[in-house]
Amino acid sequence: MNIAQYPEIIDNRYQSGIPREHSYRTDPENLIRHLFPIIDVTNEPANITDCGNPDYVLTKWKIPIGYIESKDVGKDLNSKTYKEQFTLYRNALDNLIITDYLWFQFFQNGKMVHEIKIAEIENDKIIPNPENFEQFENLIKDFCSFIGQTIKSAKMAERPQRPGIKI
């Protein structure tokens, strides 16, 4: 699947009238795998963080490089409903995307660095924003290239280092 097909696939599910948040889960996973085959995308990962479990973890060579938390299509990502959860994730995860599958907010080190809508809902139909596709691909590329702190545990940070070994 390429970026131009993605909104159409989301719209096909949306138009059925029966999907919920989890119904769309494979779509961003497939898109990221198509754009960046060396990235492994795990949907519903096991306990990988101390702050809860975002919906996806992206890894490169088994090292986590980013996390994605998704909400249902059309949900307001700035809603007070999600504030506590999103704040927890932003404070704990160096590289995070929060999305409703159409609107993507990119966070690094707790701060929003970009947001972009690749489609919008108009008259109960998902309308692509093709003028944003290239920028979105570049943002995902940057997200997948992020090199951050891989150890967040206080125990690991306090552990004395042996000479010649870096943690």
N, C-alpha and C. Protein backbone atom coordinates (compact mmCIF):
# COMPACT_ATOMS: atom_id res chain seq x y z
N MET A 1 0.84 -1.18 0.00
CA MET A 1 0.00 0.00 0.00
C MET A 1 0.89 1.24 0.00
N ASN A 2 0.54 2.20 -0.82
CA ASN A 2 1.29 3.46 -0.78
C ASN A 2 0.43 4.53 -0.10
N ILE A 3 1.01 5.68 0.11
CA ILE A 3 0.34 6.74 0.86
C ILE A 3 -0.94 7.21 0.17
N ALA A 4 -0.98 7.20 -1.15
CA ALA A 4 -2.18 7.63 -1.87
C ALA A 4 -3.33 6.65 -1.67
N GLN A 5 -3.03 5.37 -1.47
CA GLN A 5 -4.07 4.36 -1.26
C GLN A 5 -4.59 4.35 0.18
N TYR A 6 -3.77 4.80 1.10
CA TYR A 6 -4.09 4.71 2.53
C TYR A 6 -5.43 5.37 2.89
N PRO A 7 -5.68 6.64 2.52
CA PRO A 7 -6.98 7.24 2.89
C PRO A 7 -8.17 6.50 2.28
N GLU A 8 -8.00 5.97 1.09
CA GLU A 8 -9.08 5.22 0.45
C GLU A 8 -9.40 3.94 1.24
N ILE A 9 -8.37 3.27 1.70
CA ILE A 9 -8.57 2.06 2.51
C ILE A 9 -9.27 2.40 3.82
N ILE A 10 -8.84 3.48 4.46
CA ILE A 10 -9.48 3.92 5.70
C ILE A 10 -10.94 4.27 5.42
N ASP A 11 -11.19 4.98 4.32
CA ASP A 11 -12.56 5.37 3.98
C ASP A 11 -13.44 4.15 3.72
N ASN A 12 -12.91 3.14 3.05
CA ASN A 12 -13.71 1.93 2.79
C ASN A 12 -14.18 1.30 4.10
N ARG A 13 -13.30 1.24 5.08
CA ARG A 13 -13.70 0.69 6.39
C ARG A 13 -14.72 1.63 7.06
N TYR A 14 -14.40 2.91 7.02
CA TYR A 14 -15.24 3.92 7.67
C TYR A 14 -16.66 3.90 7.11
N GLN A 15 -16.78 3.78 5.80
CA GLN A 15 -18.09 3.80 5.14
C GLN A 15 -18.96 2.61 5.50
N SER A 16 -18.36 1.53 5.96
CA SER A 16 -19.17 0.36 6.34
C SER A 16 -20.04 0.67 7.55
N GLY A 17 -19.63 1.67 8.34
CA GLY A 17 -20.40 2.07 9.50
C GLY A 17 -20.22 1.20 10.74
N ILE A 18 -19.41 0.16 10.64
CA ILE A 18 -19.27 -0.75 11.78
C ILE A 18 -17.88 -0.80 12.41
N PRO A 19 -16.86 -0.17 11.82
CA PRO A 19 -15.53 -0.31 12.43
C PRO A 19 -15.39 0.50 13.71
N ARG A 20 -14.46 0.03 14.51
CA ARG A 20 -14.04 0.75 15.71
C ARG A 20 -12.54 0.95 15.61
N GLU A 21 -11.97 1.58 16.60
CA GLU A 21 -10.54 1.92 16.58
C GLU A 21 -9.65 0.76 16.13
N HIS A 22 -9.88 -0.41 16.65
CA HIS A 22 -9.02 -1.55 16.35
C HIS A 22 -9.17 -2.05 14.92
N SER A 23 -10.27 -1.73 14.28
CA SER A 23 -10.52 -2.18 12.90
C SER A 23 -9.49 -1.63 11.93
N TYR A 24 -8.93 -0.48 12.24
CA TYR A 24 -7.99 0.20 11.34
C TYR A 24 -6.54 -0.15 11.63
N ARG A 25 -6.27 -0.92 12.65
CA ARG A 25 -4.91 -1.13 13.14
C ARG A 25 -3.92 -1.62 12.09
N THR A 26 -4.35 -2.50 11.20
CA THR A 26 -3.38 -3.03 10.23
C THR A 26 -3.00 -2.00 9.17
N ASP A 27 -3.81 -0.97 8.98
CA ASP A 27 -3.55 -0.02 7.89
C ASP A 27 -2.28 0.80 8.09
N PRO A 28 -2.08 1.48 9.23
CA PRO A 28 -0.80 2.20 9.40
C PRO A 28 0.38 1.23 9.46
N GLU A 29 0.14 0.06 10.04
CA GLU A 29 1.21 -0.95 10.09
C GLU A 29 1.65 -1.31 8.68
N ASN A 30 0.71 -1.59 7.80
CA ASN A 30 1.04 -1.95 6.41
C ASN A 30 1.70 -0.79 5.67
N LEU A 31 1.23 0.43 5.91
CA LEU A 31 1.81 1.59 5.26
C LEU A 31 3.27 1.77 5.66
N ILE A 32 3.55 1.70 6.96
CA ILE A 32 4.92 1.88 7.44
C ILE A 32 5.82 0.76 6.93
N ARG A 33 5.32 -0.46 6.93
CA ARG A 33 6.10 -1.59 6.40
C ARG A 33 6.41 -1.39 4.92
N HIS A 34 5.45 -0.84 4.18
CA HIS A 34 5.67 -0.58 2.75
C HIS A 34 6.72 0.51 2.55
N LEU A 35 6.61 1.59 3.30
CA LEU A 35 7.53 2.72 3.15
C LEU A 35 8.93 2.40 3.66
N PHE A 36 9.01 1.60 4.74
CA PHE A 36 10.30 1.33 5.39
C PHE A 36 10.39 -0.14 5.77
N PRO A 37 10.74 -0.99 4.81
CA PRO A 37 10.76 -2.44 5.06
C PRO A 37 11.71 -2.89 6.17
N ILE A 38 12.71 -2.09 6.53
CA ILE A 38 13.63 -2.52 7.58
C ILE A 38 13.08 -2.27 8.99
N ILE A 39 11.93 -1.59 9.06
CA ILE A 39 11.30 -1.31 10.34
C ILE A 39 10.29 -2.41 10.64
N ASP A 40 10.35 -2.93 11.86
CA ASP A 40 9.36 -3.90 12.29
C ASP A 40 8.30 -3.16 13.10
N VAL A 41 7.05 -3.38 12.75
CA VAL A 41 5.93 -2.74 13.44
C VAL A 41 5.17 -3.81 14.19
N THR A 42 5.05 -3.64 15.50
CA THR A 42 4.31 -4.59 16.31
C THR A 42 3.05 -3.92 16.84
N ASN A 43 1.92 -4.46 16.48
CA ASN A 43 0.62 -3.98 16.93
C ASN A 43 0.29 -4.72 18.23
N GLU A 44 -0.16 -3.96 19.24
CA GLU A 44 -0.48 -4.53 20.55
C GLU A 44 0.72 -5.25 21.17
N PRO A 45 1.83 -4.54 21.35
CA PRO A 45 3.01 -5.18 21.95
C PRO A 45 2.77 -5.55 23.41
N ALA A 46 3.52 -6.54 23.84
CA ALA A 46 3.50 -6.94 25.25
C ALA A 46 4.12 -5.83 26.08
N ASN A 47 4.08 -5.95 27.36
CA ASN A 47 4.57 -4.92 28.28
C ASN A 47 5.97 -4.45 27.92
N ILE A 48 6.03 -3.35 27.19
CA ILE A 48 7.32 -2.87 26.71
C ILE A 48 7.78 -1.59 27.37
N THR A 49 6.88 -0.93 28.09
CA THR A 49 7.26 0.33 28.73
C THR A 49 6.77 0.32 30.17
N ASP A 50 7.31 1.22 30.95
CA ASP A 50 6.87 1.39 32.33
C ASP A 50 5.64 2.31 32.42
N CYS A 51 5.23 2.89 31.27
CA CYS A 51 4.15 3.88 31.29
C CYS A 51 2.86 3.34 30.69
N GLY A 52 2.81 2.06 30.41
CA GLY A 52 1.64 1.48 29.75
C GLY A 52 2.06 0.92 28.41
N ASN A 53 1.10 0.60 27.60
CA ASN A 53 1.41 0.00 26.31
C ASN A 53 0.77 0.77 25.16
N PRO A 54 1.55 1.60 24.49
CA PRO A 54 1.02 2.24 23.28
C PRO A 54 0.61 1.15 22.29
N ASP A 55 -0.21 1.51 21.33
CA ASP A 55 -0.78 0.54 20.40
C ASP A 55 0.24 -0.13 19.50
N TYR A 56 1.30 0.57 19.17
CA TYR A 56 2.36 0.01 18.32
C TYR A 56 3.73 0.35 18.89
N VAL A 57 4.67 -0.54 18.64
CA VAL A 57 6.07 -0.21 18.85
C VAL A 57 6.77 -0.48 17.52
N LEU A 58 7.63 0.45 17.13
CA LEU A 58 8.45 0.29 15.93
C LEU A 58 9.86 -0.03 16.38
N THR A 59 10.42 -1.06 15.79
CA THR A 59 11.78 -1.47 16.15
C THR A 59 12.63 -1.59 14.90
N LYS A 60 13.90 -1.36 15.10
CA LYS A 60 14.90 -1.59 14.07
C LYS A 60 15.98 -2.44 14.73
N TRP A 61 16.21 -3.60 14.17
CA TRP A 61 17.16 -4.55 14.73
C TRP A 61 16.83 -4.84 16.20
N LYS A 62 15.55 -5.01 16.47
CA LYS A 62 15.00 -5.35 17.79
C LYS A 62 15.15 -4.24 18.83
N ILE A 63 15.55 -3.07 18.39
CA ILE A 63 15.67 -1.92 19.30
C ILE A 63 14.48 -1.00 19.07
N PRO A 64 13.71 -0.68 20.11
CA PRO A 64 12.58 0.24 19.94
C PRO A 64 13.06 1.61 19.49
N ILE A 65 12.43 2.12 18.43
CA ILE A 65 12.78 3.46 17.93
C ILE A 65 11.62 4.44 18.02
N GLY A 66 10.41 3.91 18.21
CA GLY A 66 9.26 4.80 18.29
C GLY A 66 8.00 4.06 18.68
N TYR A 67 7.01 4.84 19.08
CA TYR A 67 5.74 4.30 19.56
C TYR A 67 4.61 5.07 18.92
N ILE A 68 3.49 4.40 18.72
CA ILE A 68 2.31 5.04 18.15
C ILE A 68 1.11 4.69 19.02
N GLU A 69 0.36 5.71 19.38
CA GLU A 69 -0.90 5.53 20.09
C GLU A 69 -2.01 6.02 19.17
N SER A 70 -3.01 5.17 18.96
CA SER A 70 -4.09 5.54 18.04
C SER A 70 -5.43 5.61 18.76
N LYS A 71 -6.27 6.45 18.22
CA LYS A 71 -7.66 6.57 18.65
C LYS A 71 -8.52 6.42 17.41
N ASP A 72 -9.81 6.25 17.61
CA ASP A 72 -10.72 6.00 16.50
C ASP A 72 -10.73 7.19 15.52
N VAL A 73 -11.03 6.89 14.27
CA VAL A 73 -11.10 7.90 13.22
C VAL A 73 -12.05 9.02 13.65
N GLY A 74 -11.56 10.25 13.50
CA GLY A 74 -12.38 11.41 13.80
C GLY A 74 -12.38 11.86 15.24
N LYS A 75 -11.70 11.13 16.12
CA LYS A 75 -11.64 11.55 17.52
C LYS A 75 -10.73 12.77 17.65
N ASP A 76 -11.06 13.65 18.57
CA ASP A 76 -10.26 14.85 18.82
C ASP A 76 -9.06 14.47 19.68
N LEU A 77 -7.89 14.51 19.08
CA LEU A 77 -6.67 14.12 19.79
C LEU A 77 -6.32 15.09 20.92
N ASN A 78 -6.91 16.27 20.90
CA ASN A 78 -6.66 17.25 21.96
C ASN A 78 -7.74 17.22 23.05
N SER A 79 -8.61 16.21 23.00
CA SER A 79 -9.69 16.09 23.96
C SER A 79 -9.16 15.84 25.37
N LYS A 80 -9.85 16.39 26.34
CA LYS A 80 -9.50 16.16 27.74
C LYS A 80 -9.61 14.68 28.11
N THR A 81 -10.42 13.95 27.37
CA THR A 81 -10.60 12.51 27.61
C THR A 81 -9.27 11.76 27.57
N TYR A 82 -8.37 12.20 26.70
CA TYR A 82 -7.10 11.49 26.50
C TYR A 82 -5.92 12.16 27.19
N LYS A 83 -6.16 13.30 27.81
CA LYS A 83 -5.06 14.10 28.35
C LYS A 83 -4.13 13.32 29.27
N GLU A 84 -4.67 12.61 30.24
CA GLU A 84 -3.84 11.89 31.20
C GLU A 84 -2.98 10.83 30.49
N GLN A 85 -3.60 10.02 29.65
CA GLN A 85 -2.88 8.97 28.94
C GLN A 85 -1.80 9.56 28.04
N PHE A 86 -2.16 10.56 27.26
CA PHE A 86 -1.20 11.15 26.32
C PHE A 86 -0.04 11.84 27.05
N THR A 87 -0.34 12.51 28.15
CA THR A 87 0.71 13.16 28.92
C THR A 87 1.69 12.13 29.46
N LEU A 88 1.16 11.03 29.96
CA LEU A 88 2.01 9.95 30.46
C LEU A 88 2.93 9.44 29.35
N TYR A 89 2.38 9.17 28.19
CA TYR A 89 3.19 8.67 27.06
C TYR A 89 4.21 9.72 26.61
N ARG A 90 3.79 10.97 26.47
CA ARG A 90 4.72 12.02 26.01
C ARG A 90 5.89 12.19 26.97
N ASN A 91 5.61 12.09 28.27
CA ASN A 91 6.68 12.26 29.26
C ASN A 91 7.62 11.07 29.33
N ALA A 92 7.15 9.90 28.95
CA ALA A 92 7.95 8.69 29.11
C ALA A 92 8.63 8.21 27.82
N LEU A 93 8.09 8.60 26.66
CA LEU A 93 8.58 8.05 25.39
C LEU A 93 9.21 9.15 24.56
N ASP A 94 10.45 8.94 24.14
CA ASP A 94 11.20 9.95 23.40
C ASP A 94 10.66 10.21 22.00
N ASN A 95 10.04 9.21 21.39
CA ASN A 95 9.63 9.31 19.99
C ASN A 95 8.23 8.70 19.87
N LEU A 96 7.23 9.55 19.68
CA LEU A 96 5.85 9.13 19.78
C LEU A 96 5.00 9.79 18.70
N ILE A 97 4.08 9.01 18.15
CA ILE A 97 3.03 9.55 17.28
C ILE A 97 1.70 9.26 17.96
N ILE A 98 0.85 10.26 17.98
CA ILE A 98 -0.54 10.09 18.41
C ILE A 98 -1.40 10.37 17.19
N THR A 99 -2.35 9.46 16.90
CA THR A 99 -3.10 9.59 15.66
C THR A 99 -4.53 9.11 15.78
N ASP A 100 -5.38 9.62 14.90
CA ASP A 100 -6.72 9.07 14.69
C ASP A 100 -6.76 8.40 13.31
N TYR A 101 -5.60 8.03 12.81
CA TYR A 101 -5.38 7.37 11.52
C TYR A 101 -5.39 8.35 10.34
N LEU A 102 -5.84 9.58 10.56
CA LEU A 102 -5.84 10.61 9.52
C LEU A 102 -5.01 11.81 9.93
N TRP A 103 -5.07 12.13 11.20
CA TRP A 103 -4.37 13.27 11.81
C TRP A 103 -3.24 12.68 12.64
N PHE A 104 -2.03 13.14 12.40
CA PHE A 104 -0.85 12.59 13.07
C PHE A 104 -0.14 13.70 13.83
N GLN A 105 0.09 13.49 15.11
CA GLN A 105 0.87 14.41 15.93
C GLN A 105 2.18 13.70 16.28
N PHE A 106 3.29 14.35 15.98
CA PHE A 106 4.63 13.79 16.21
C PHE A 106 5.25 14.47 17.43
N PHE A 107 5.71 13.65 18.36
CA PHE A 107 6.34 14.16 19.59
C PHE A 107 7.74 13.60 19.72
N GLN A 108 8.67 14.47 20.11
CA GLN A 108 10.01 14.03 20.46
C GLN A 108 10.36 14.66 21.79
N ASN A 109 10.81 13.80 22.69
CA ASN A 109 11.19 14.24 24.03
C ASN A 109 10.10 15.07 24.70
N GLY A 110 8.85 14.63 24.53
CA GLY A 110 7.72 15.25 25.19
C GLY A 110 7.12 16.46 24.51
N LYS A 111 7.73 16.95 23.45
CA LYS A 111 7.25 18.16 22.77
C LYS A 111 6.72 17.81 21.38
N MET A 112 5.58 18.43 21.02
CA MET A 112 5.08 18.23 19.67
C MET A 112 6.01 18.94 18.69
N VAL A 113 6.49 18.19 17.71
CA VAL A 113 7.39 18.76 16.72
C VAL A 113 6.70 18.96 15.37
N HIS A 114 5.63 18.21 15.11
CA HIS A 114 4.87 18.36 13.87
C HIS A 114 3.48 17.78 14.08
N GLU A 115 2.56 18.27 13.29
CA GLU A 115 1.28 17.61 13.15
C GLU A 115 0.82 17.80 11.72
N ILE A 116 0.12 16.78 11.21
CA ILE A 116 -0.28 16.81 9.81
C ILE A 116 -1.53 15.97 9.65
N LYS A 117 -2.39 16.42 8.74
CA LYS A 117 -3.59 15.65 8.39
C LYS A 117 -3.43 15.19 6.94
N ILE A 118 -3.46 13.88 6.75
CA ILE A 118 -3.34 13.36 5.39
C ILE A 118 -4.72 13.12 4.77
N ALA A 119 -5.75 13.28 5.58
CA ALA A 119 -7.13 13.21 5.11
C ALA A 119 -8.02 13.82 6.19
N GLU A 120 -9.24 14.19 5.79
CA GLU A 120 -10.19 14.75 6.74
C GLU A 120 -11.57 14.20 6.45
N ILE A 121 -12.42 14.26 7.45
CA ILE A 121 -13.80 13.81 7.28
C ILE A 121 -14.64 15.01 6.88
N GLU A 122 -15.28 14.89 5.72
CA GLU A 122 -16.19 15.93 5.23
C GLU A 122 -17.46 15.25 4.74
N ASN A 123 -18.60 15.68 5.25
CA ASN A 123 -19.89 15.08 4.87
C ASN A 123 -19.86 13.56 5.01
N ASP A 124 -19.30 13.11 6.11
CA ASP A 124 -19.24 11.69 6.46
C ASP A 124 -18.46 10.85 5.44
N LYS A 125 -17.50 11.49 4.79
CA LYS A 125 -16.61 10.80 3.85
C LYS A 125 -15.19 11.25 4.13
N ILE A 126 -14.25 10.35 3.97
CA ILE A 126 -12.85 10.69 4.19
C ILE A 126 -12.27 11.21 2.88
N ILE A 127 -11.80 12.45 2.95
CA ILE A 127 -11.26 13.14 1.78
C ILE A 127 -9.75 13.27 1.95
N PRO A 128 -8.97 12.71 1.01
CA PRO A 128 -7.50 12.79 1.11
C PRO A 128 -7.00 14.23 0.97
N ASN A 129 -5.86 14.49 1.61
CA ASN A 129 -5.12 15.75 1.45
C ASN A 129 -3.81 15.42 0.73
N PRO A 130 -3.85 15.18 -0.58
CA PRO A 130 -2.64 14.73 -1.29
C PRO A 130 -1.48 15.72 -1.21
N GLU A 131 -1.79 17.00 -0.97
CA GLU A 131 -0.74 18.00 -0.84
C GLU A 131 0.12 17.74 0.39
N ASN A 132 -0.34 16.90 1.32
CA ASN A 132 0.42 16.59 2.53
C ASN A 132 1.13 15.24 2.48
N PHE A 133 0.94 14.48 1.41
CA PHE A 133 1.50 13.12 1.35
C PHE A 133 3.02 13.11 1.42
N GLU A 134 3.66 13.95 0.64
CA GLU A 134 5.13 13.95 0.61
C GLU A 134 5.69 14.36 1.97
N GLN A 135 5.12 15.40 2.56
CA GLN A 135 5.59 15.83 3.88
C GLN A 135 5.36 14.73 4.91
N PHE A 136 4.22 14.05 4.83
CA PHE A 136 3.94 12.95 5.76
C PHE A 136 4.99 11.85 5.62
N GLU A 137 5.31 11.47 4.39
CA GLU A 137 6.33 10.44 4.19
C GLU A 137 7.67 10.87 4.79
N ASN A 138 8.01 12.14 4.64
CA ASN A 138 9.27 12.64 5.22
C ASN A 138 9.21 12.62 6.75
N LEU A 139 8.07 12.96 7.31
CA LEU A 139 7.92 12.92 8.77
C LEU A 139 8.02 11.49 9.30
N ILE A 140 7.42 10.55 8.60
CA ILE A 140 7.52 9.14 9.00
C ILE A 140 8.96 8.66 8.86
N LYS A 141 9.63 9.10 7.81
CA LYS A 141 11.04 8.73 7.61
C LYS A 141 11.88 9.25 8.78
N ASP A 142 11.67 10.50 9.16
CA ASP A 142 12.38 11.06 10.31
C ASP A 142 12.04 10.29 11.59
N PHE A 143 10.78 9.98 11.76
CA PHE A 143 10.33 9.23 12.93
C PHE A 143 11.04 7.88 12.99
N CYS A 144 11.13 7.20 11.87
CA CYS A 144 11.75 5.88 11.82
C CYS A 144 13.28 5.94 11.88
N SER A 145 13.84 7.12 11.74
CA SER A 145 15.30 7.30 11.81
C SER A 145 15.74 7.81 13.17
N PHE A 146 14.80 8.05 14.05
CA PHE A 146 15.09 8.64 15.36
C PHE A 146 16.05 7.75 16.15
N ILE A 147 17.04 8.39 16.73
CA ILE A 147 17.96 7.69 17.62
C ILE A 147 17.83 8.37 18.97
N GLY A 148 17.32 7.64 19.91
CA GLY A 148 17.09 8.23 21.22
C GLY A 148 17.62 7.34 22.30
N GLN A 149 17.27 7.68 23.47
CA GLN A 149 17.64 6.91 24.64
C GLN A 149 16.86 5.60 24.61
N THR A 150 17.55 4.50 24.74
CA THR A 150 16.85 3.21 24.69
C THR A 150 16.62 2.64 26.09
N ILE A 151 17.28 3.20 27.10
CA ILE A 151 17.11 2.71 28.46
C ILE A 151 16.41 3.80 29.27
N LYS A 152 15.25 3.49 29.79
CA LYS A 152 14.50 4.47 30.57
C LYS A 152 14.35 4.03 32.02
N SER A 153 14.83 2.87 32.35
CA SER A 153 14.67 2.35 33.70
C SER A 153 15.63 3.04 34.66
N ALA A 154 15.12 3.45 35.81
CA ALA A 154 15.97 4.07 36.82
C ALA A 154 17.04 3.10 37.28
N LYS A 155 16.69 1.82 37.37
CA LYS A 155 17.67 0.82 37.79
C LYS A 155 18.85 0.76 36.82
N MET A 156 18.55 0.80 35.54
CA MET A 156 19.62 0.73 34.54
C MET A 156 20.47 2.01 34.57
N ALA A 157 19.82 3.14 34.76
CA ALA A 157 20.56 4.40 34.77
C ALA A 157 21.49 4.50 35.97
N GLU A 158 21.10 3.88 37.10
CA GLU A 158 21.90 3.96 38.31
C GLU A 158 23.00 2.90 38.35
N ARG A 159 22.91 1.92 37.49
CA ARG A 159 23.87 0.83 37.52
C ARG A 159 25.27 1.34 37.16
N PRO A 160 26.27 1.03 37.96
CA PRO A 160 27.61 1.51 37.64
C PRO A 160 28.12 0.85 36.36
N GLN A 161 28.81 1.63 35.60
CA GLN A 161 29.36 1.10 34.36
C GLN A 161 30.75 0.51 34.62
N ARG A 162 31.02 -0.57 33.95
CA ARG A 162 32.36 -1.15 34.02
C ARG A 162 33.21 -0.45 32.97
N PRO A 163 34.49 -0.33 33.23
CA PRO A 163 35.36 0.34 32.26
C PRO A 163 35.24 -0.33 30.89
N GLY A 164 35.12 0.51 29.87
CA GLY A 164 35.07 0.01 28.50
C GLY A 164 33.68 -0.45 28.07
N ILE A 165 32.70 -0.43 28.96
CA ILE A 165 31.35 -0.87 28.60
C ILE A 165 30.42 0.30 28.76
N LYS A 166 29.74 0.61 27.69
CA LYS A 166 28.77 1.72 27.74
C LYS A 166 27.38 1.13 27.73
N ILE A 167 26.54 1.70 28.55
CA ILE A 167 25.15 1.24 28.61
C ILE A 167 24.30 2.17 27.79
